[in-house]
Amino acid sequence: MLTVLLLICATVLAAAVGFLLFVLREAPGEPGDPPVTVIIERGWGLTRIARTLEDAEVIADYRGFILVAKQYGVANRLRAGEYAISRGLPLRDVLDQIANGRTVLHRFTVLPGETAFTVAAKLQRAGLDEKNAADNLVTDPVFCKRLGVPARRLEGYLYPETYTYQRGANANELLTMMVEQFFKVWNEKFAARTLEQKMTVHDVVTLASIVEKETAYDPERPKIARAFLNRLRIGMRLQADPTVIYSLGRHFNGNLSHAHLRQDHPYNTYTRKGLPPGPIANPGAESMEAVLWPAEGKWKYFVSTNRGHHVFSETYKQHVNAVNKYQR
């Protein structure tokens, strides 16, 4: 009788071991194979997650995943998101990736000099603005106030940077990240220097945005900033072409005419003295530093050599000669 019982127990144990080996077997494929994208939605239970992984062939058997998840006490801690999971991994590794939320990170880049509306359009194209809210958010005074922006528009405060985000992010979240990054860059050193220069944050960002649009050559930014500051000091109009282009908005076709320069607008620094009402683009740290720590000089004029550089002049006569040499 004992022999029979031992035989039955051995048979049952062998069957159990066989079952465990079967459900815990590794999925086909090798870790070096291209990863498989698996999307786990919010609210999914353990069984649905396990079956989704099995359907994606990143685990061999959903029952094995459930057993391991319960064994390690993470059955209720699996995170939703988009995952890139290599095939052929041990069940424990797949479980660890999902339990720790190591999701796919997407990238979104704001380039120096891009306008807020350009950023909004890029958010739309990237699928981050399904409700088409970004255009309104960048000009929403309530949204600006909530983010601590000292203006009624986000123009100038969407810091140029590459941002990472997870699937499910939206325009509101990305715009918030951009403004938060601006205030990380705008440190105590910047704030103290702004007070020394008797300027406001908005003044600095506004002028920096013009400098940003005037040149991409870092060594010249402080000289361009000085030329504009010299003009402001004596009450001379800035006469910056980028401000006119900004005032034209979507009506600008790429050709700036004399008629455009004469077309009065709050942002047209040919017809209005002083700074425009706000930034005309989103400047990087280099342009803000140029405004706060400008070069020393008496320049009031500069003209492009059409080779990425500028010639700077103190007098109008010198400027006319430079224009005749490089532009006519």
Protein backbone atom coordinates (compact mmCIF):
# COMPACT_ATOMS: atom_id res chain seq x y z
CA MET A 1 0.00 0.00 0.00
CA LEU A 2 2.83 2.35 0.95
CA THR A 3 4.54 1.63 -2.31
CA VAL A 4 1.40 2.55 -4.21
CA LEU A 5 1.05 5.82 -2.27
CA LEU A 6 4.66 6.71 -2.89
CA LEU A 7 4.20 5.98 -6.56
CA ILE A 8 1.11 8.19 -6.70
CA CYS A 9 2.92 11.02 -4.88
CA ALA A 10 5.89 10.71 -7.19
CA THR A 11 3.61 10.80 -10.20
CA VAL A 12 1.79 13.89 -8.90
CA LEU A 13 5.08 15.61 -8.05
CA ALA A 14 6.50 14.84 -11.44
CA ALA A 15 3.38 16.20 -13.09
CA ALA A 16 3.56 19.37 -10.98
CA VAL A 17 7.23 19.84 -11.78
CA GLY A 18 6.52 19.22 -15.42
CA PHE A 19 3.72 21.78 -15.39
CA LEU A 20 5.95 24.37 -13.71
CA LEU A 21 8.75 23.77 -16.17
CA PHE A 22 6.24 24.13 -19.00
CA VAL A 23 4.62 27.40 -17.86
CA LEU A 24 7.94 28.91 -16.74
CA ARG A 25 9.80 28.12 -19.97
CA GLU A 26 11.45 31.01 -21.75
CA ALA A 27 9.75 32.64 -24.70
CA PRO A 28 11.18 31.99 -28.16
CA GLY A 29 13.78 34.36 -29.49
CA GLU A 30 17.00 35.89 -28.21
CA PRO A 31 17.58 39.07 -26.14
CA GLY A 32 19.51 40.43 -29.12
CA ASP A 33 16.40 40.33 -31.34
CA PRO A 34 14.56 43.61 -31.99
CA PRO A 35 12.38 44.42 -28.94
CA VAL A 36 8.63 44.03 -29.13
CA THR A 37 6.39 47.01 -28.33
CA VAL A 38 3.75 46.11 -25.74
CA ILE A 39 1.13 48.57 -24.51
CA ILE A 40 -0.45 48.04 -21.10
CA GLU A 41 -3.46 50.23 -20.43
CA ARG A 42 -4.49 51.71 -17.09
CA GLY A 43 -6.90 49.54 -15.15
CA TRP A 44 -5.79 46.22 -16.63
CA GLY A 45 -5.66 43.30 -14.22
CA LEU A 46 -2.86 40.78 -13.86
CA THR A 47 -4.46 38.17 -16.12
CA ARG A 48 -5.06 40.59 -19.00
CA ILE A 49 -1.49 41.89 -18.73
CA ALA A 50 -0.13 38.34 -18.74
CA ARG A 51 -2.21 37.30 -21.77
CA THR A 52 -1.12 40.45 -23.64
CA LEU A 53 2.52 39.56 -23.01
CA GLU A 54 1.90 36.01 -24.19
CA ASP A 55 0.17 37.25 -27.37
CA ALA A 56 3.21 39.47 -28.02
CA GLU A 57 5.42 36.37 -27.60
CA VAL A 58 7.65 37.99 -24.98
CA ILE A 59 6.64 35.31 -22.47
CA ALA A 60 5.88 31.67 -23.22
CA ASP A 61 2.84 31.14 -20.97
CA TYR A 62 0.64 33.68 -19.22
CA ARG A 63 0.15 31.31 -16.27
CA GLY A 64 3.85 31.35 -15.51
CA PHE A 65 3.87 35.14 -15.44
CA ILE A 66 0.97 35.17 -12.99
CA LEU A 67 2.74 32.67 -10.72
CA VAL A 68 5.99 34.66 -10.67
CA ALA A 69 4.17 37.98 -10.13
CA LYS A 70 2.38 36.55 -7.09
CA GLN A 71 5.53 34.89 -5.80
CA TYR A 72 7.41 38.21 -5.75
CA GLY A 73 4.45 40.19 -4.38
CA VAL A 74 4.11 42.59 -7.34
CA ALA A 75 0.86 41.33 -8.83
CA ASN A 76 -0.89 44.58 -7.89
CA ARG A 77 2.04 46.88 -8.71
CA LEU A 78 2.38 46.42 -12.46
CA ARG A 79 2.42 49.77 -14.22
CA ALA A 80 0.60 50.88 -17.33
CA GLY A 81 2.56 52.25 -20.25
CA GLU A 82 4.37 51.49 -23.49
CA TYR A 83 7.17 48.96 -23.18
CA ALA A 84 9.92 47.77 -25.50
CA ILE A 85 10.53 44.21 -24.29
CA SER A 86 13.25 41.97 -25.66
CA ARG A 87 12.30 38.44 -26.57
CA GLY A 88 13.92 35.46 -24.88
CA LEU A 89 14.23 37.17 -21.50
CA PRO A 90 13.61 35.23 -18.27
CA LEU A 91 10.13 35.81 -16.83
CA ARG A 92 11.66 37.60 -13.83
CA ASP A 93 13.30 40.20 -16.08
CA VAL A 94 10.06 40.91 -17.96
CA LEU A 95 8.20 41.22 -14.66
CA ASP A 96 10.88 43.53 -13.25
CA GLN A 97 10.66 45.86 -16.26
CA ILE A 98 6.89 46.28 -15.91
CA ALA A 99 6.82 46.43 -12.12
CA ASN A 100 9.41 49.24 -12.19
CA GLY A 101 7.70 51.11 -15.02
CA ARG A 102 10.69 51.16 -17.38
CA THR A 103 8.59 52.38 -20.28
CA VAL A 104 9.56 53.68 -23.70
CA LEU A 105 10.66 57.32 -23.52
CA HIS A 106 9.85 59.50 -26.51
CA ARG A 107 11.66 62.75 -27.31
CA PHE A 108 10.38 66.20 -28.19
CA THR A 109 12.79 69.00 -29.07
CA VAL A 110 12.27 72.75 -28.88
CA LEU A 111 14.92 74.55 -30.94
CA PRO A 112 16.33 77.95 -29.93
CA GLY A 113 14.45 80.68 -31.76
CA GLU A 114 11.28 78.69 -32.39
CA THR A 115 8.06 80.54 -31.63
CA ALA A 116 5.38 79.31 -29.26
CA PHE A 117 3.04 78.69 -32.19
CA THR A 118 5.71 76.64 -33.96
CA VAL A 119 6.05 74.55 -30.80
CA ALA A 120 2.26 74.15 -30.65
CA ALA A 121 2.20 72.94 -34.26
CA LYS A 122 4.99 70.44 -33.53
CA LEU A 123 3.05 69.11 -30.55
CA GLN A 124 0.09 68.55 -32.86
CA ARG A 125 2.22 66.70 -35.42
CA ALA A 126 3.78 64.56 -32.69
CA GLY A 127 0.34 63.37 -31.61
CA LEU A 128 0.60 65.17 -28.27
CA ASP A 129 -2.25 67.59 -28.89
CA GLU A 130 -5.25 65.55 -29.98
CA LYS A 131 -7.66 68.16 -28.61
CA ASN A 132 -5.81 70.96 -30.44
CA ALA A 133 -5.40 72.83 -27.16
CA ALA A 134 -1.79 74.02 -27.46
CA ASP A 135 -2.59 77.08 -29.61
CA ASN A 136 -4.94 78.29 -26.89
CA LEU A 137 -2.69 77.32 -23.99
CA VAL A 138 0.26 79.39 -25.21
CA THR A 139 -1.93 82.51 -25.10
CA ASP A 140 -3.98 81.62 -22.01
CA PRO A 141 -3.29 84.16 -19.21
CA VAL A 142 -4.70 81.81 -16.56
CA PHE A 143 -2.39 78.99 -17.67
CA CYS A 144 0.56 81.39 -17.72
CA LYS A 145 -0.19 82.60 -14.21
CA ARG A 146 -0.48 79.06 -12.91
CA LEU A 147 2.98 78.30 -14.30
CA GLY A 148 4.47 81.45 -12.80
CA VAL A 149 5.13 83.15 -16.13
CA PRO A 150 5.32 86.96 -15.71
CA ALA A 151 3.32 87.55 -18.89
CA ARG A 152 0.01 86.69 -20.53
CA ARG A 153 1.64 84.47 -23.17
CA LEU A 154 4.13 81.60 -23.01
CA GLU A 155 6.20 83.06 -25.83
CA GLY A 156 9.80 83.22 -24.66
CA TYR A 157 9.32 80.87 -21.70
CA LEU A 158 9.26 77.52 -23.54
CA TYR A 159 12.88 76.68 -22.95
CA PRO A 160 14.77 75.17 -25.93
CA GLU A 161 15.66 71.65 -24.88
CA THR A 162 15.01 67.98 -25.72
CA TYR A 163 12.31 66.60 -23.45
CA THR A 164 11.47 62.98 -22.76
CA TYR A 165 7.93 61.82 -22.17
CA GLN A 166 5.93 58.63 -21.89
CA ARG A 167 3.01 57.47 -24.01
CA GLY A 168 -0.15 59.26 -22.92
CA ALA A 169 1.49 62.64 -22.29
CA ASN A 170 -0.33 65.68 -23.67
CA ALA A 171 0.36 69.26 -24.70
CA ASN A 172 -0.44 70.62 -21.25
CA GLU A 173 2.19 68.38 -19.67
CA LEU A 174 4.86 69.15 -22.27
CA LEU A 175 4.32 72.91 -22.11
CA THR A 176 4.52 72.72 -18.32
CA MET A 177 7.83 70.85 -18.58
CA MET A 178 9.21 73.55 -20.90
CA VAL A 179 8.30 76.39 -18.55
CA GLU A 180 9.65 74.51 -15.53
CA GLN A 181 12.94 74.05 -17.42
CA PHE A 182 13.04 77.79 -18.13
CA PHE A 183 12.90 78.56 -14.42
CA LYS A 184 15.61 75.96 -13.72
CA VAL A 185 17.87 77.76 -16.18
CA TRP A 186 16.82 81.17 -14.85
CA ASN A 187 18.87 80.80 -11.69
CA GLU A 188 19.80 83.15 -8.85
CA LYS A 189 22.76 84.44 -10.86
CA PHE A 190 20.45 85.54 -13.68
CA ALA A 191 17.95 87.05 -11.25
CA ALA A 192 20.61 89.06 -9.39
CA ARG A 193 22.11 90.38 -12.62
CA THR A 194 18.66 91.38 -13.86
CA LEU A 195 18.24 93.62 -10.81
CA GLU A 196 21.72 95.09 -11.33
CA GLN A 197 20.79 95.96 -14.91
CA LYS A 198 17.52 97.53 -13.70
CA MET A 199 15.56 95.22 -15.98
CA THR A 200 12.71 92.77 -15.45
CA VAL A 201 12.68 89.09 -16.35
CA HIS A 202 10.28 89.91 -19.16
CA ASP A 203 12.59 92.64 -20.49
CA VAL A 204 15.54 90.27 -20.57
CA VAL A 205 13.63 87.45 -22.24
CA THR A 206 12.12 89.86 -24.79
CA LEU A 207 15.47 91.31 -25.83
CA ALA A 208 17.12 87.88 -25.71
CA SER A 209 14.51 86.57 -28.14
CA ILE A 210 15.48 89.29 -30.62
CA VAL A 211 19.17 88.50 -30.19
CA GLU A 212 18.35 84.81 -30.73
CA LYS A 213 16.65 85.57 -34.05
CA GLU A 214 19.43 87.91 -35.21
CA THR A 215 22.28 85.42 -35.00
CA ALA A 216 23.12 81.77 -34.39
CA TYR A 217 26.81 82.63 -33.88
CA ASP A 218 27.43 82.56 -30.13
CA PRO A 219 30.48 84.89 -30.01
CA GLU A 220 28.44 87.71 -31.61
CA ARG A 221 25.44 87.56 -29.30
CA PRO A 222 26.95 89.87 -26.62
CA LYS A 223 27.86 92.45 -29.29
CA ILE A 224 24.37 92.40 -30.81
CA ALA A 225 22.87 92.69 -27.35
CA ARG A 226 25.11 95.70 -26.67
CA ALA A 227 24.06 97.38 -29.91
CA PHE A 228 20.39 97.05 -28.96
CA LEU A 229 21.02 98.18 -25.38
CA ASN A 230 22.87 101.25 -26.70
CA ARG A 231 19.87 102.07 -28.87
CA LEU A 232 17.45 101.66 -26.00
CA ARG A 233 19.60 103.91 -23.80
CA ILE A 234 19.41 106.86 -26.20
CA GLY A 235 15.77 106.29 -27.20
CA MET A 236 16.59 105.06 -30.70
CA ARG A 237 14.29 102.50 -32.35
CA LEU A 238 15.62 98.95 -32.36
CA GLN A 239 14.71 98.46 -36.03
CA ALA A 240 15.05 94.69 -35.77
CA ASP A 241 13.75 92.82 -38.80
CA PRO A 242 12.73 89.71 -36.77
CA THR A 243 10.21 91.78 -34.82
CA VAL A 244 8.51 92.83 -38.05
CA ILE A 245 8.44 89.23 -39.27
CA TYR A 246 6.86 88.22 -35.96
CA SER A 247 4.22 90.94 -36.31
CA LEU A 248 3.26 89.57 -39.72
CA GLY A 249 2.71 86.09 -38.29
CA ARG A 250 1.41 83.55 -40.77
CA HIS A 251 1.08 86.29 -43.40
CA PHE A 252 4.86 86.47 -43.83
CA ASN A 253 5.85 84.77 -47.09
CA GLY A 254 9.62 84.87 -46.64
CA ASN A 255 10.18 88.24 -48.32
CA LEU A 256 10.45 91.26 -46.03
CA SER A 257 9.57 94.44 -47.92
CA HIS A 258 9.85 98.17 -47.15
CA ALA A 259 6.04 98.22 -46.93
CA HIS A 260 6.25 95.66 -44.14
CA LEU A 261 8.73 97.85 -42.26
CA ARG A 262 6.30 100.78 -42.42
CA GLN A 263 3.28 98.72 -41.35
CA ASP A 264 2.62 99.83 -37.77
CA HIS A 265 2.18 97.11 -35.18
CA PRO A 266 3.00 96.81 -31.44
CA TYR A 267 5.79 94.37 -32.36
CA ASN A 268 7.20 96.46 -35.22
CA THR A 269 10.36 98.04 -33.79
CA TYR A 270 10.71 100.18 -36.92
CA THR A 271 7.53 102.12 -36.07
CA ARG A 272 7.60 101.80 -32.25
CA LYS A 273 10.29 102.81 -29.77
CA GLY A 274 11.53 100.57 -26.99
CA LEU A 275 11.09 96.86 -26.58
CA PRO A 276 8.08 95.10 -28.16
CA PRO A 277 5.32 93.96 -25.77
CA GLY A 278 6.93 90.56 -25.31
CA PRO A 279 9.34 87.98 -26.71
CA ILE A 280 9.21 87.06 -30.38
CA ALA A 281 10.64 83.55 -29.89
CA ASN A 282 12.02 81.22 -27.25
CA PRO A 283 15.65 82.12 -26.53
CA GLY A 284 18.33 79.86 -25.16
CA ALA A 285 20.56 80.57 -22.18
CA GLU A 286 23.31 82.01 -24.41
CA SER A 287 21.07 84.82 -25.65
CA MET A 288 19.83 85.63 -22.14
CA GLU A 289 23.42 85.72 -20.90
CA ALA A 290 24.31 88.06 -23.78
CA VAL A 291 21.64 90.53 -22.66
CA LEU A 292 22.67 90.32 -19.02
CA TRP A 293 26.42 90.39 -19.71
CA PRO A 294 26.75 92.28 -23.00
CA ALA A 295 30.05 93.14 -24.65
CA GLU A 296 31.54 96.56 -24.01
CA GLY A 297 31.32 98.89 -26.98
CA LYS A 298 29.56 101.87 -28.55
CA TRP A 299 28.02 100.01 -31.50
CA LYS A 300 24.53 100.97 -32.51
CA TYR A 301 24.49 99.31 -35.92
CA PHE A 302 25.32 95.93 -37.41
CA VAL A 303 24.85 94.33 -40.80
CA SER A 304 25.16 90.75 -41.97
CA THR A 305 28.06 89.73 -44.18
CA ASN A 306 25.88 86.87 -45.47
CA ARG A 307 28.48 84.45 -44.12
CA GLY A 308 27.04 83.96 -40.67
CA HIS A 309 28.80 86.99 -39.20
CA HIS A 310 28.10 90.73 -38.79
CA VAL A 311 29.98 93.98 -39.15
CA PHE A 312 29.39 96.38 -36.23
CA SER A 313 29.47 100.17 -36.52
CA GLU A 314 29.34 103.07 -34.08
CA THR A 315 28.13 105.70 -36.54
CA TYR A 316 25.47 105.74 -39.22
CA LYS A 317 28.05 106.67 -41.87
CA GLN A 318 30.12 103.59 -41.01
CA HIS A 319 26.97 101.50 -41.14
CA VAL A 320 26.00 102.80 -44.60
CA ASN A 321 29.46 101.92 -45.89
CA ALA A 322 29.12 98.40 -44.46
CA VAL A 323 25.66 97.98 -46.00
CA ASN A 324 26.95 99.11 -49.38
CA LYS A 325 29.81 96.67 -49.13
CA TYR A 326 27.94 93.58 -47.95
CA GLN A 327 24.30 94.04 -48.93
CA ARG A 328 24.21 96.08 -52.16
